[in-house]
C-alpha cells in the first residue's frame, strides 16, 4: 500500500487488520506483553487522560507503560525505559499537563514533554497521540518510512512534517464518508508494513516455520 493510495477500502482493510497483526507480531517476535500493552495504550490510556478534566495529565507509571508499549512495538532500548521509570511523578504530571494545554500547537506540546529525561520527539508523539489522535500520530518507523521515505530522523522538525502529512491523509480518507484520524493512518501503515514483511515467508510453502518478520532499526 503506497502512501499516495486514495482507495478507502485498502486503508480500511489495513486498519481493521491491526489487532490481528499486533497479535501475530507479538508471537513472531517473542513479545508476549505486546497485546496487553497495546490494549492499554489504544483503549485505556486515552479514556484515563480525558477523564482528568479540566487539566489532563499522564502519570509516571502510565508513561512507563507507554514506553514499554513503544519499545515492544519497535526497537527495545532498555535505557530509555530506565530513564522514564525513574522520573518523579510530579514532574511528569506537570510537563504533560503543559503539553496537553499547548495543543493544537504541536511544536510547543512536544517541547514541553521532551524536557523529561528519556523522552524524545517519538515518545512525546506517543503521549500526544493518546490524547489527541486526530492531531498527533505516533512517530513509528513504518509510518515514517511510508510517509516520508525514511525512518532515521526523529527530530521535532521532521515530526511536524510527518504529522501534517498524516493529518492530510486522514482528511482525504474521511472525505468519502468514513472518519479517519491521523493516528488511524499511522496504525494502518504499521499494520500493512508488518503484514507485508511477514507475507513472503508465509508463502514459501506449507511446511515453513511461522514468519519472524523483518527487523527495523529505531533511532528514538
N, C-alpha and C. Protein backbone atom coordinates (compact mmCIF):
# COMPACT_ATOMS: atom_id res chain seq x y z
N UNK A 1 0.85 -1.20 0.00
CA UNK A 1 0.00 0.00 0.00
C UNK A 1 0.88 1.24 0.00
N UNK A 2 0.83 1.98 -1.09
CA UNK A 2 1.59 3.22 -1.20
C UNK A 2 0.90 4.31 -0.39
N UNK A 3 1.67 5.21 0.19
CA UNK A 3 1.09 6.29 1.00
C UNK A 3 0.13 7.14 0.16
N UNK A 4 0.40 7.24 -1.13
CA UNK A 4 -0.44 8.04 -2.01
C UNK A 4 -1.75 7.36 -2.38
N UNK A 5 -1.94 6.11 -1.98
CA UNK A 5 -3.16 5.38 -2.29
C UNK A 5 -4.38 6.11 -1.73
N UNK A 6 -5.38 6.28 -2.56
CA UNK A 6 -6.59 7.00 -2.13
C UNK A 6 -7.81 6.10 -2.03
N UNK A 7 -7.60 4.79 -2.18
CA UNK A 7 -8.72 3.85 -2.07
C UNK A 7 -9.02 3.56 -0.60
N UNK A 8 -10.16 4.05 -0.15
CA UNK A 8 -10.53 3.91 1.26
C UNK A 8 -10.59 2.45 1.68
N UNK A 9 -11.05 1.57 0.79
CA UNK A 9 -11.18 0.16 1.13
C UNK A 9 -9.83 -0.47 1.49
N UNK A 10 -8.78 -0.03 0.83
CA UNK A 10 -7.44 -0.55 1.10
C UNK A 10 -6.98 -0.13 2.48
N UNK A 11 -7.19 1.13 2.82
CA UNK A 11 -6.82 1.64 4.14
C UNK A 11 -7.68 1.00 5.23
N UNK A 12 -8.94 0.83 4.94
CA UNK A 12 -9.85 0.22 5.91
C UNK A 12 -9.42 -1.21 6.23
N UNK A 13 -9.03 -1.94 5.20
CA UNK A 13 -8.58 -3.32 5.39
C UNK A 13 -7.31 -3.37 6.25
N UNK A 14 -6.36 -2.47 5.97
CA UNK A 14 -5.11 -2.44 6.74
C UNK A 14 -5.38 -2.07 8.20
N UNK A 15 -6.26 -1.10 8.41
CA UNK A 15 -6.56 -0.67 9.77
C UNK A 15 -7.31 -1.75 10.54
N UNK A 16 -8.26 -2.40 9.90
CA UNK A 16 -9.04 -3.45 10.58
C UNK A 16 -8.17 -4.66 10.92
N UNK A 17 -7.07 -4.83 10.18
CA UNK A 17 -6.16 -5.95 10.44
C UNK A 17 -5.18 -5.65 11.58
N UNK A 18 -5.17 -4.41 12.06
CA UNK A 18 -4.19 -4.01 13.07
C UNK A 18 -4.19 -4.93 14.31
N UNK A 19 -5.33 -5.22 14.95
CA UNK A 19 -5.30 -6.08 16.14
C UNK A 19 -4.69 -7.45 15.89
N UNK A 20 -5.06 -8.06 14.76
CA UNK A 20 -4.51 -9.39 14.46
C UNK A 20 -3.02 -9.31 14.13
N UNK A 21 -2.60 -8.21 13.51
CA UNK A 21 -1.17 -8.05 13.21
C UNK A 21 -0.37 -7.84 14.49
N UNK A 22 -0.95 -7.14 15.45
CA UNK A 22 -0.30 -6.97 16.76
C UNK A 22 -0.10 -8.34 17.40
N UNK A 23 -1.14 -9.15 17.35
CA UNK A 23 -1.08 -10.49 17.95
C UNK A 23 -0.02 -11.35 17.27
N UNK A 24 -0.04 -11.36 15.94
CA UNK A 24 0.94 -12.15 15.18
C UNK A 24 2.36 -11.65 15.41
N UNK A 25 2.52 -10.32 15.42
CA UNK A 25 3.82 -9.72 15.64
C UNK A 25 4.37 -10.10 17.02
N UNK A 26 3.48 -10.13 18.02
CA UNK A 26 3.90 -10.49 19.38
C UNK A 26 4.40 -11.93 19.44
N UNK A 27 3.77 -12.79 18.68
CA UNK A 27 4.19 -14.20 18.65
C UNK A 27 5.49 -14.38 17.86
N UNK A 28 5.54 -13.77 16.69
CA UNK A 28 6.71 -13.93 15.83
C UNK A 28 7.97 -13.32 16.42
N UNK A 29 7.80 -12.22 17.15
CA UNK A 29 8.94 -11.52 17.74
C UNK A 29 9.17 -11.91 19.21
N UNK A 30 8.39 -12.88 19.69
CA UNK A 30 8.50 -13.33 21.08
C UNK A 30 8.35 -12.16 22.05
N UNK A 31 7.26 -11.41 21.84
CA UNK A 31 6.94 -10.26 22.69
C UNK A 31 5.54 -10.45 23.27
N UNK A 32 5.40 -11.39 24.21
CA UNK A 32 4.07 -11.75 24.72
C UNK A 32 3.32 -10.61 25.41
N UNK A 33 4.03 -9.59 25.88
CA UNK A 33 3.35 -8.50 26.56
C UNK A 33 2.74 -7.47 25.61
N UNK A 34 3.05 -7.56 24.32
CA UNK A 34 2.63 -6.51 23.39
C UNK A 34 1.11 -6.40 23.29
N UNK A 35 0.40 -7.50 23.29
CA UNK A 35 -1.05 -7.45 23.14
C UNK A 35 -1.69 -6.66 24.29
N UNK A 36 -1.29 -6.96 25.52
CA UNK A 36 -1.85 -6.25 26.66
C UNK A 36 -1.38 -4.80 26.70
N UNK A 37 -0.14 -4.56 26.31
CA UNK A 37 0.38 -3.19 26.28
C UNK A 37 -0.36 -2.36 25.23
N UNK A 38 -0.64 -2.98 24.08
CA UNK A 38 -1.36 -2.27 23.03
C UNK A 38 -2.80 -2.00 23.44
N UNK A 39 -3.39 -2.93 24.15
CA UNK A 39 -4.75 -2.74 24.68
C UNK A 39 -4.78 -1.55 25.63
N UNK A 40 -3.77 -1.47 26.50
CA UNK A 40 -3.67 -0.35 27.43
C UNK A 40 -3.51 0.97 26.67
N UNK A 41 -2.57 0.98 25.71
CA UNK A 41 -2.26 2.23 25.00
C UNK A 41 -3.42 2.71 24.13
N UNK A 42 -4.01 1.80 23.38
CA UNK A 42 -5.04 2.19 22.41
C UNK A 42 -6.42 2.39 23.03
N UNK A 43 -6.74 1.61 24.06
CA UNK A 43 -8.11 1.63 24.57
C UNK A 43 -8.29 2.21 25.97
N UNK A 44 -7.30 2.04 26.84
CA UNK A 44 -7.49 2.50 28.22
C UNK A 44 -6.88 3.87 28.49
N UNK A 45 -5.66 4.08 28.03
CA UNK A 45 -4.98 5.35 28.32
C UNK A 45 -5.74 6.58 27.82
N UNK A 46 -6.26 6.58 26.59
CA UNK A 46 -7.00 7.76 26.12
C UNK A 46 -8.15 8.14 27.05
N UNK A 47 -8.89 7.15 27.52
CA UNK A 47 -10.01 7.43 28.43
C UNK A 47 -9.53 8.00 29.76
N UNK A 48 -8.44 7.44 30.29
CA UNK A 48 -7.89 7.93 31.54
C UNK A 48 -7.49 9.40 31.43
N UNK A 49 -6.85 9.75 30.32
CA UNK A 49 -6.39 11.13 30.14
C UNK A 49 -7.56 12.10 30.06
N UNK A 50 -8.59 11.72 29.33
CA UNK A 50 -9.72 12.63 29.13
C UNK A 50 -10.64 12.72 30.34
N UNK A 51 -10.52 11.77 31.24
CA UNK A 51 -11.31 11.83 32.47
C UNK A 51 -10.77 12.88 33.43
N UNK A 52 -9.52 13.29 33.23
CA UNK A 52 -8.86 14.23 34.15
C UNK A 52 -9.09 15.68 33.73
N UNK A 53 -10.32 16.06 33.76
CA UNK A 53 -10.68 17.45 33.44
C UNK A 53 -10.64 18.30 34.70
N UNK A 54 -10.34 19.59 34.60
CA UNK A 54 -10.11 20.33 33.35
C UNK A 54 -8.64 20.36 32.92
N UNK A 55 -7.76 19.71 33.69
CA UNK A 55 -6.33 19.75 33.38
C UNK A 55 -5.77 18.34 33.22
N UNK A 56 -5.91 17.75 32.04
CA UNK A 56 -5.44 16.39 31.81
C UNK A 56 -3.92 16.25 32.00
N UNK A 57 -3.50 15.08 32.41
CA UNK A 57 -2.07 14.79 32.58
C UNK A 57 -1.87 13.29 32.49
N UNK A 58 -0.61 12.88 32.36
CA UNK A 58 -0.25 11.47 32.39
C UNK A 58 0.61 11.24 33.63
N UNK A 59 0.46 10.09 34.27
CA UNK A 59 1.26 9.79 35.45
C UNK A 59 2.58 9.15 35.04
N UNK A 60 3.51 9.08 35.96
CA UNK A 60 4.81 8.47 35.66
C UNK A 60 4.65 6.98 35.35
N UNK A 61 3.72 6.30 36.05
CA UNK A 61 3.50 4.88 35.80
C UNK A 61 2.90 4.67 34.42
N UNK A 62 1.98 5.53 34.03
CA UNK A 62 1.37 5.42 32.70
C UNK A 62 2.40 5.71 31.61
N UNK A 63 3.27 6.67 31.88
CA UNK A 63 4.33 6.99 30.92
C UNK A 63 5.29 5.81 30.78
N UNK A 64 5.56 5.15 31.87
CA UNK A 64 6.43 3.97 31.84
C UNK A 64 5.78 2.85 31.03
N UNK A 65 4.47 2.65 31.24
CA UNK A 65 3.75 1.64 30.46
C UNK A 65 3.73 1.99 28.98
N UNK A 66 3.56 3.28 28.70
CA UNK A 66 3.57 3.75 27.31
C UNK A 66 4.93 3.48 26.67
N UNK A 67 5.99 3.74 27.42
CA UNK A 67 7.33 3.50 26.90
C UNK A 67 7.54 2.00 26.62
N UNK A 68 7.03 1.16 27.50
CA UNK A 68 7.13 -0.28 27.27
C UNK A 68 6.41 -0.65 25.98
N UNK A 69 5.24 -0.05 25.74
CA UNK A 69 4.49 -0.30 24.51
C UNK A 69 5.31 0.13 23.30
N UNK A 70 5.84 1.34 23.37
CA UNK A 70 6.61 1.89 22.24
C UNK A 70 7.82 1.02 21.91
N UNK A 71 8.56 0.61 22.93
CA UNK A 71 9.77 -0.17 22.71
C UNK A 71 9.46 -1.61 22.30
N UNK A 72 8.34 -2.14 22.78
CA UNK A 72 7.96 -3.51 22.42
C UNK A 72 7.43 -3.56 20.99
N UNK A 73 6.74 -2.52 20.58
CA UNK A 73 6.22 -2.44 19.21
C UNK A 73 7.33 -2.08 18.22
N UNK A 74 8.41 -1.47 18.74
CA UNK A 74 9.54 -1.09 17.90
C UNK A 74 10.82 -1.76 18.36
N UNK A 75 11.87 -0.96 18.53
CA UNK A 75 13.16 -1.50 18.93
C UNK A 75 13.36 -1.33 20.43
N UNK A 76 13.77 -2.40 21.08
CA UNK A 76 13.93 -2.39 22.53
C UNK A 76 15.18 -1.63 22.95
N UNK A 77 14.99 -0.57 23.74
CA UNK A 77 16.11 0.23 24.24
C UNK A 77 15.91 0.42 25.74
N UNK A 78 16.42 -0.52 26.54
CA UNK A 78 16.15 -0.52 27.98
C UNK A 78 16.54 0.75 28.72
N UNK A 79 17.56 1.46 28.24
CA UNK A 79 17.98 2.68 28.94
C UNK A 79 16.87 3.72 28.93
N UNK A 80 16.13 3.82 27.83
CA UNK A 80 15.03 4.77 27.77
C UNK A 80 13.97 4.43 28.81
N UNK A 81 13.68 3.15 28.95
CA UNK A 81 12.70 2.72 29.95
C UNK A 81 13.20 3.02 31.35
N UNK A 82 14.49 2.82 31.58
CA UNK A 82 15.08 3.13 32.90
C UNK A 82 14.95 4.62 33.21
N UNK A 83 15.24 5.46 32.23
CA UNK A 83 15.15 6.91 32.43
C UNK A 83 13.72 7.32 32.79
N UNK A 84 12.77 6.85 32.01
CA UNK A 84 11.37 7.22 32.21
C UNK A 84 10.83 6.68 33.54
N UNK A 85 11.22 5.46 33.87
CA UNK A 85 10.72 4.84 35.10
C UNK A 85 11.23 5.53 36.35
N UNK A 86 12.33 6.27 36.22
CA UNK A 86 12.90 6.96 37.39
C UNK A 86 12.41 8.40 37.52
N UNK A 87 11.56 8.84 36.60
CA UNK A 87 11.07 10.21 36.65
C UNK A 87 10.11 10.42 37.82
N UNK A 88 10.18 11.59 38.42
CA UNK A 88 9.30 11.94 39.53
C UNK A 88 7.88 12.17 39.00
N UNK A 89 6.91 11.65 39.71
CA UNK A 89 5.52 11.73 39.26
C UNK A 89 5.04 13.17 39.12
N UNK A 90 5.43 14.01 40.03
CA UNK A 90 5.01 15.42 39.99
C UNK A 90 5.55 16.11 38.73
N UNK A 91 6.79 15.79 38.39
CA UNK A 91 7.43 16.38 37.22
C UNK A 91 6.73 15.92 35.94
N UNK A 92 6.40 14.63 35.88
CA UNK A 92 5.72 14.07 34.71
C UNK A 92 4.33 14.68 34.55
N UNK A 93 3.61 14.77 35.65
CA UNK A 93 2.27 15.36 35.61
C UNK A 93 2.32 16.81 35.13
N UNK A 94 3.27 17.56 35.64
CA UNK A 94 3.38 18.97 35.28
C UNK A 94 3.72 19.15 33.80
N UNK A 95 4.70 18.39 33.33
CA UNK A 95 5.12 18.51 31.93
C UNK A 95 4.01 18.10 30.98
N UNK A 96 3.32 17.00 31.30
CA UNK A 96 2.26 16.52 30.41
C UNK A 96 1.04 17.45 30.44
N UNK A 97 0.76 18.01 31.59
CA UNK A 97 -0.35 18.96 31.69
C UNK A 97 -0.09 20.17 30.78
N UNK A 98 1.13 20.69 30.83
CA UNK A 98 1.51 21.83 29.98
C UNK A 98 1.45 21.44 28.50
N UNK A 99 1.87 20.21 28.21
CA UNK A 99 1.87 19.74 26.82
C UNK A 99 0.45 19.66 26.27
N UNK A 100 -0.45 19.05 27.02
CA UNK A 100 -1.82 18.91 26.55
C UNK A 100 -2.50 20.27 26.40
N UNK A 101 -2.18 21.19 27.31
CA UNK A 101 -2.76 22.53 27.23
C UNK A 101 -2.22 23.31 26.04
N UNK A 102 -1.03 22.92 25.55
CA UNK A 102 -0.40 23.62 24.42
C UNK A 102 -1.06 23.31 23.09
N UNK A 103 -1.72 22.18 23.00
CA UNK A 103 -2.37 21.80 21.74
C UNK A 103 -3.47 22.80 21.38
N UNK A 104 -3.64 23.12 20.11
CA UNK A 104 -3.13 22.42 18.93
C UNK A 104 -1.73 22.83 18.45
N UNK A 105 -0.98 23.56 19.26
CA UNK A 105 0.40 23.90 18.89
C UNK A 105 1.28 22.67 19.14
N UNK A 106 1.44 21.85 18.12
CA UNK A 106 2.15 20.58 18.27
C UNK A 106 3.60 20.79 18.66
N UNK A 107 4.26 21.77 18.05
CA UNK A 107 5.66 22.04 18.35
C UNK A 107 5.86 22.34 19.83
N UNK A 108 5.01 23.18 20.38
CA UNK A 108 5.12 23.54 21.80
C UNK A 108 4.81 22.34 22.68
N UNK A 109 3.81 21.57 22.29
CA UNK A 109 3.41 20.41 23.08
C UNK A 109 4.54 19.38 23.17
N UNK A 110 5.19 19.12 22.02
CA UNK A 110 6.31 18.18 22.01
C UNK A 110 7.45 18.71 22.87
N UNK A 111 7.73 19.99 22.75
CA UNK A 111 8.82 20.61 23.51
C UNK A 111 8.59 20.54 25.02
N UNK A 112 7.33 20.65 25.44
CA UNK A 112 7.01 20.56 26.87
C UNK A 112 7.32 19.16 27.41
N UNK A 113 7.15 18.15 26.57
CA UNK A 113 7.38 16.77 27.02
C UNK A 113 8.84 16.35 26.93
N UNK A 114 9.57 16.89 25.97
CA UNK A 114 10.95 16.45 25.78
C UNK A 114 11.91 17.03 26.81
N UNK A 115 11.41 17.80 27.77
CA UNK A 115 12.24 18.22 28.90
C UNK A 115 12.46 17.03 29.85
N UNK A 116 11.61 16.02 29.73
CA UNK A 116 11.71 14.83 30.58
C UNK A 116 12.82 13.92 30.07
N UNK A 117 13.64 13.44 30.98
CA UNK A 117 14.76 12.58 30.60
C UNK A 117 14.25 11.28 29.99
N UNK A 118 14.78 10.94 28.81
CA UNK A 118 14.38 9.72 28.14
C UNK A 118 13.24 9.91 27.15
N UNK A 119 12.66 11.13 27.14
CA UNK A 119 11.53 11.41 26.25
C UNK A 119 11.99 12.27 25.08
N UNK A 120 12.06 11.67 23.89
CA UNK A 120 12.38 12.41 22.68
C UNK A 120 11.11 12.69 21.90
N UNK A 121 11.20 13.27 20.72
CA UNK A 121 10.02 13.57 19.92
C UNK A 121 9.14 12.34 19.63
N UNK A 122 9.76 11.18 19.43
CA UNK A 122 8.97 9.98 19.13
C UNK A 122 8.12 9.56 20.32
N UNK A 123 8.71 9.54 21.52
CA UNK A 123 7.95 9.19 22.71
C UNK A 123 6.90 10.26 23.01
N UNK A 124 7.28 11.52 22.82
CA UNK A 124 6.33 12.62 23.02
C UNK A 124 5.14 12.46 22.09
N UNK A 125 5.41 12.03 20.86
CA UNK A 125 4.31 11.85 19.90
C UNK A 125 3.35 10.76 20.36
N UNK A 126 3.89 9.73 21.01
CA UNK A 126 3.04 8.65 21.52
C UNK A 126 2.13 9.16 22.64
N UNK A 127 2.68 10.00 23.51
CA UNK A 127 1.89 10.59 24.60
C UNK A 127 0.77 11.45 24.01
N UNK A 128 1.13 12.31 23.08
CA UNK A 128 0.16 13.22 22.49
C UNK A 128 -0.88 12.49 21.66
N UNK A 129 -0.48 11.41 20.98
CA UNK A 129 -1.41 10.64 20.16
C UNK A 129 -2.50 9.99 21.01
N UNK A 130 -2.15 9.61 22.23
CA UNK A 130 -3.14 9.01 23.13
C UNK A 130 -4.19 10.03 23.55
N UNK A 131 -3.80 11.30 23.54
CA UNK A 131 -4.70 12.37 23.97
C UNK A 131 -5.43 13.02 22.80
N UNK A 132 -4.72 13.22 21.70
CA UNK A 132 -5.29 13.92 20.54
C UNK A 132 -4.94 13.17 19.25
N UNK A 133 -5.55 12.01 19.02
CA UNK A 133 -5.20 11.17 17.87
C UNK A 133 -5.45 11.82 16.52
N UNK A 134 -6.34 12.81 16.47
CA UNK A 134 -6.62 13.49 15.21
C UNK A 134 -5.50 14.44 14.81
N UNK A 135 -4.74 14.92 15.81
CA UNK A 135 -3.67 15.89 15.57
C UNK A 135 -2.28 15.28 15.52
N UNK A 136 -2.01 14.35 16.43
CA UNK A 136 -0.63 13.94 16.70
C UNK A 136 -0.43 12.42 16.60
N UNK A 137 -0.18 11.90 15.42
CA UNK A 137 0.06 10.47 15.26
C UNK A 137 1.40 10.05 15.86
N UNK A 138 1.47 8.80 16.28
CA UNK A 138 2.73 8.26 16.80
C UNK A 138 3.75 8.17 15.68
N UNK A 139 4.97 8.53 16.00
CA UNK A 139 6.07 8.59 15.04
C UNK A 139 6.74 7.21 14.92
N UNK A 140 6.06 6.27 14.30
CA UNK A 140 6.61 4.92 14.17
C UNK A 140 7.52 4.81 12.96
N UNK A 141 8.43 3.84 13.00
CA UNK A 141 9.34 3.61 11.87
C UNK A 141 8.57 3.35 10.58
N UNK A 142 7.57 2.47 10.68
CA UNK A 142 6.84 2.05 9.48
C UNK A 142 6.09 3.21 8.84
N UNK A 143 5.45 4.03 9.67
CA UNK A 143 4.69 5.16 9.13
C UNK A 143 5.62 6.24 8.59
N UNK A 144 6.75 6.44 9.26
CA UNK A 144 7.74 7.42 8.79
C UNK A 144 8.28 7.01 7.42
N UNK A 145 8.58 5.73 7.29
CA UNK A 145 9.12 5.22 6.04
C UNK A 145 8.11 5.40 4.90
N UNK A 146 6.86 5.11 5.19
CA UNK A 146 5.82 5.21 4.17
C UNK A 146 5.52 6.65 3.78
N UNK A 147 5.44 7.53 4.77
CA UNK A 147 5.03 8.92 4.51
C UNK A 147 6.17 9.81 4.03
N UNK A 148 7.38 9.57 4.56
CA UNK A 148 8.49 10.47 4.28
C UNK A 148 9.66 9.82 3.56
N UNK A 149 9.63 8.49 3.45
CA UNK A 149 10.71 7.80 2.74
C UNK A 149 11.91 7.46 3.59
N UNK A 150 11.87 7.78 4.88
CA UNK A 150 12.96 7.39 5.79
C UNK A 150 12.45 7.32 7.21
N UNK A 151 13.16 6.57 8.04
CA UNK A 151 12.77 6.42 9.44
C UNK A 151 13.99 6.63 10.34
N UNK A 152 14.84 7.56 9.97
CA UNK A 152 16.07 7.77 10.73
C UNK A 152 16.17 9.16 11.34
N UNK A 153 15.30 10.06 10.97
CA UNK A 153 15.34 11.42 11.50
C UNK A 153 14.17 11.62 12.45
N UNK A 154 14.46 11.59 13.75
CA UNK A 154 13.40 11.73 14.75
C UNK A 154 13.43 13.09 15.42
N UNK A 155 13.68 14.11 14.62
CA UNK A 155 13.72 15.48 15.13
C UNK A 155 12.31 16.05 15.20
N UNK A 156 12.16 17.13 15.94
CA UNK A 156 10.88 17.81 16.03
C UNK A 156 10.45 18.32 14.65
N UNK A 157 11.40 18.88 13.92
CA UNK A 157 11.10 19.40 12.58
C UNK A 157 10.52 18.31 11.69
N UNK A 158 11.13 17.13 11.74
CA UNK A 158 10.64 16.02 10.92
C UNK A 158 9.27 15.56 11.39
N UNK A 159 9.05 15.59 12.69
CA UNK A 159 7.75 15.15 13.21
C UNK A 159 6.62 16.07 12.75
N UNK A 160 6.88 17.37 12.71
CA UNK A 160 5.86 18.32 12.28
C UNK A 160 5.46 18.07 10.83
N UNK A 161 6.44 17.73 9.99
CA UNK A 161 6.16 17.40 8.59
C UNK A 161 5.34 16.11 8.52
N UNK A 162 5.76 15.13 9.31
CA UNK A 162 5.10 13.83 9.37
C UNK A 162 3.64 13.98 9.83
N UNK A 163 3.43 14.72 10.91
CA UNK A 163 2.09 14.90 11.46
C UNK A 163 1.18 15.58 10.44
N UNK A 164 1.70 16.56 9.76
CA UNK A 164 0.93 17.29 8.76
C UNK A 164 0.51 16.37 7.61
N UNK A 165 1.41 15.50 7.18
CA UNK A 165 1.10 14.59 6.08
C UNK A 165 0.03 13.58 6.49
N UNK A 166 0.11 13.09 7.72
CA UNK A 166 -0.88 12.10 8.16
C UNK A 166 -2.23 12.76 8.45
N UNK A 167 -2.21 14.00 8.90
CA UNK A 167 -3.47 14.74 9.07
C UNK A 167 -4.15 14.92 7.71
N UNK A 168 -3.37 15.29 6.70
CA UNK A 168 -3.91 15.50 5.36
C UNK A 168 -4.47 14.21 4.78
N UNK A 169 -3.76 13.11 5.00
CA UNK A 169 -4.23 11.81 4.51
C UNK A 169 -5.52 11.41 5.22
N UNK A 170 -5.61 11.68 6.50
CA UNK A 170 -6.82 11.35 7.26
C UNK A 170 -8.02 12.13 6.73
N UNK A 171 -7.81 13.40 6.42
CA UNK A 171 -8.89 14.23 5.87
C UNK A 171 -9.31 13.71 4.50
N UNK A 172 -8.33 13.32 3.70
CA UNK A 172 -8.62 12.78 2.37
C UNK A 172 -9.47 11.53 2.46
N UNK A 173 -9.09 10.61 3.35
CA UNK A 173 -9.82 9.36 3.51
C UNK A 173 -11.20 9.58 4.12
N UNK A 174 -11.30 10.56 5.02
CA UNK A 174 -12.57 10.83 5.69
C UNK A 174 -13.57 11.50 4.76
N UNK A 175 -13.10 12.06 3.68
CA UNK A 175 -13.99 12.78 2.77
C UNK A 175 -14.98 11.87 2.06
N UNK A 176 -14.75 10.57 2.13
CA UNK A 176 -15.64 9.63 1.46
C UNK A 176 -16.63 8.98 2.43
N UNK A 177 -16.86 9.63 3.55
CA UNK A 177 -17.89 9.17 4.47
C UNK A 177 -17.42 8.33 5.64
N UNK A 178 -16.14 7.96 5.67
CA UNK A 178 -15.58 7.20 6.77
C UNK A 178 -14.63 8.11 7.54
N UNK A 179 -14.80 8.18 8.85
CA UNK A 179 -13.98 9.09 9.64
C UNK A 179 -12.65 8.45 10.02
N UNK A 180 -11.56 9.11 9.65
CA UNK A 180 -10.21 8.65 9.99
C UNK A 180 -9.48 9.74 10.75
N UNK A 181 -8.64 9.32 11.70
CA UNK A 181 -7.75 10.25 12.39
C UNK A 181 -6.34 10.04 11.87
N UNK A 182 -5.46 10.97 12.20
CA UNK A 182 -4.04 10.81 11.82
C UNK A 182 -3.47 9.54 12.45
N UNK A 183 -3.93 9.22 13.65
CA UNK A 183 -3.46 8.00 14.33
C UNK A 183 -3.99 6.74 13.64
N UNK A 184 -5.19 6.81 13.08
CA UNK A 184 -5.70 5.68 12.30
C UNK A 184 -4.80 5.42 11.10
N UNK A 185 -4.35 6.50 10.46
CA UNK A 185 -3.47 6.38 9.31
C UNK A 185 -2.16 5.71 9.72
N UNK A 186 -1.60 6.12 10.87
CA UNK A 186 -0.35 5.51 11.36
C UNK A 186 -0.53 4.03 11.62
N UNK A 187 -1.63 3.65 12.25
CA UNK A 187 -1.86 2.24 12.56
C UNK A 187 -2.05 1.42 11.29
N UNK A 188 -2.73 2.00 10.32
CA UNK A 188 -2.92 1.30 9.05
C UNK A 188 -1.57 1.07 8.35
N UNK A 189 -0.71 2.08 8.39
CA UNK A 189 0.61 1.96 7.77
C UNK A 189 1.46 0.92 8.50
N UNK A 190 1.41 0.92 9.82
CA UNK A 190 2.15 -0.07 10.61
C UNK A 190 1.63 -1.47 10.29
N UNK A 191 0.32 -1.61 10.29
CA UNK A 191 -0.31 -2.90 10.03
C UNK A 191 0.06 -3.44 8.65
N UNK A 192 0.00 -2.57 7.65
CA UNK A 192 0.33 -3.00 6.29
C UNK A 192 1.80 -3.41 6.18
N UNK A 193 2.68 -2.60 6.78
CA UNK A 193 4.12 -2.88 6.70
C UNK A 193 4.47 -4.19 7.38
N UNK A 194 3.88 -4.43 8.55
CA UNK A 194 4.16 -5.67 9.28
C UNK A 194 3.61 -6.87 8.53
N UNK A 195 2.41 -6.71 7.96
CA UNK A 195 1.82 -7.79 7.18
C UNK A 195 2.64 -8.10 5.94
N UNK A 196 3.11 -7.06 5.28
CA UNK A 196 3.90 -7.23 4.07
C UNK A 196 5.25 -7.90 4.37
N UNK A 197 5.87 -7.52 5.49
CA UNK A 197 7.19 -8.07 5.82
C UNK A 197 7.13 -9.55 6.15
N UNK A 198 5.98 -10.02 6.65
CA UNK A 198 5.87 -11.43 7.01
C UNK A 198 5.27 -12.28 5.89
N UNK A 199 4.61 -11.64 4.93
CA UNK A 199 3.93 -12.39 3.87
C UNK A 199 4.84 -13.30 3.05
N UNK A 200 6.03 -12.85 2.60
CA UNK A 200 6.88 -13.72 1.78
C UNK A 200 7.23 -15.03 2.46
N UNK A 201 7.49 -14.96 3.78
CA UNK A 201 7.87 -16.18 4.49
C UNK A 201 6.67 -17.11 4.63
N UNK A 202 5.49 -16.55 4.82
CA UNK A 202 4.30 -17.38 4.96
C UNK A 202 4.00 -18.12 3.66
N UNK A 203 4.38 -17.52 2.53
CA UNK A 203 4.03 -18.09 1.25
C UNK A 203 5.08 -19.05 0.68
N UNK A 204 6.12 -19.33 1.44
CA UNK A 204 7.18 -20.18 0.93
C UNK A 204 6.73 -21.63 0.74
N UNK A 205 5.78 -22.05 1.56
CA UNK A 205 5.32 -23.43 1.41
C UNK A 205 4.60 -23.86 2.66
N UNK A 206 3.88 -24.96 2.60
CA UNK A 206 3.07 -25.41 3.73
C UNK A 206 3.88 -25.85 4.94
N UNK A 207 5.15 -26.18 4.74
CA UNK A 207 5.93 -26.68 5.87
C UNK A 207 6.91 -25.67 6.44
N UNK A 208 6.80 -24.44 6.00
CA UNK A 208 7.73 -23.43 6.51
C UNK A 208 7.37 -23.05 7.93
N UNK A 209 8.36 -22.52 8.65
CA UNK A 209 8.12 -22.07 10.01
C UNK A 209 7.31 -20.78 9.99
N UNK A 210 6.63 -20.45 11.11
CA UNK A 210 5.90 -19.19 11.18
C UNK A 210 6.84 -18.02 10.92
N UNK A 211 6.30 -17.00 10.27
CA UNK A 211 7.12 -15.83 9.92
C UNK A 211 7.67 -15.12 11.13
N UNK A 212 8.92 -14.73 11.01
CA UNK A 212 9.52 -13.92 12.06
C UNK A 212 9.40 -12.43 11.77
N UNK A 213 9.09 -12.10 10.52
CA UNK A 213 9.03 -10.68 10.15
C UNK A 213 10.42 -10.13 9.98
N UNK A 214 10.52 -8.91 9.50
CA UNK A 214 11.83 -8.29 9.31
C UNK A 214 12.11 -7.29 10.39
N UNK A 215 13.36 -7.19 10.77
CA UNK A 215 13.75 -6.26 11.83
C UNK A 215 13.98 -4.87 11.27
N UNK A 216 13.59 -3.85 12.04
CA UNK A 216 13.77 -2.48 11.64
C UNK A 216 14.50 -1.73 12.73
N UNK A 217 15.28 -0.78 12.34
CA UNK A 217 16.03 0.00 13.32
C UNK A 217 15.27 1.25 13.73
N UNK A 218 15.41 1.61 14.99
CA UNK A 218 14.77 2.81 15.52
C UNK A 218 15.83 3.75 16.08
N UNK A 219 15.68 4.99 15.78
CA UNK A 219 16.63 5.99 16.26
C UNK A 219 16.21 6.58 17.59
N UNK A 220 14.91 6.64 17.84
CA UNK A 220 14.45 7.25 19.09
C UNK A 220 13.20 6.55 19.57
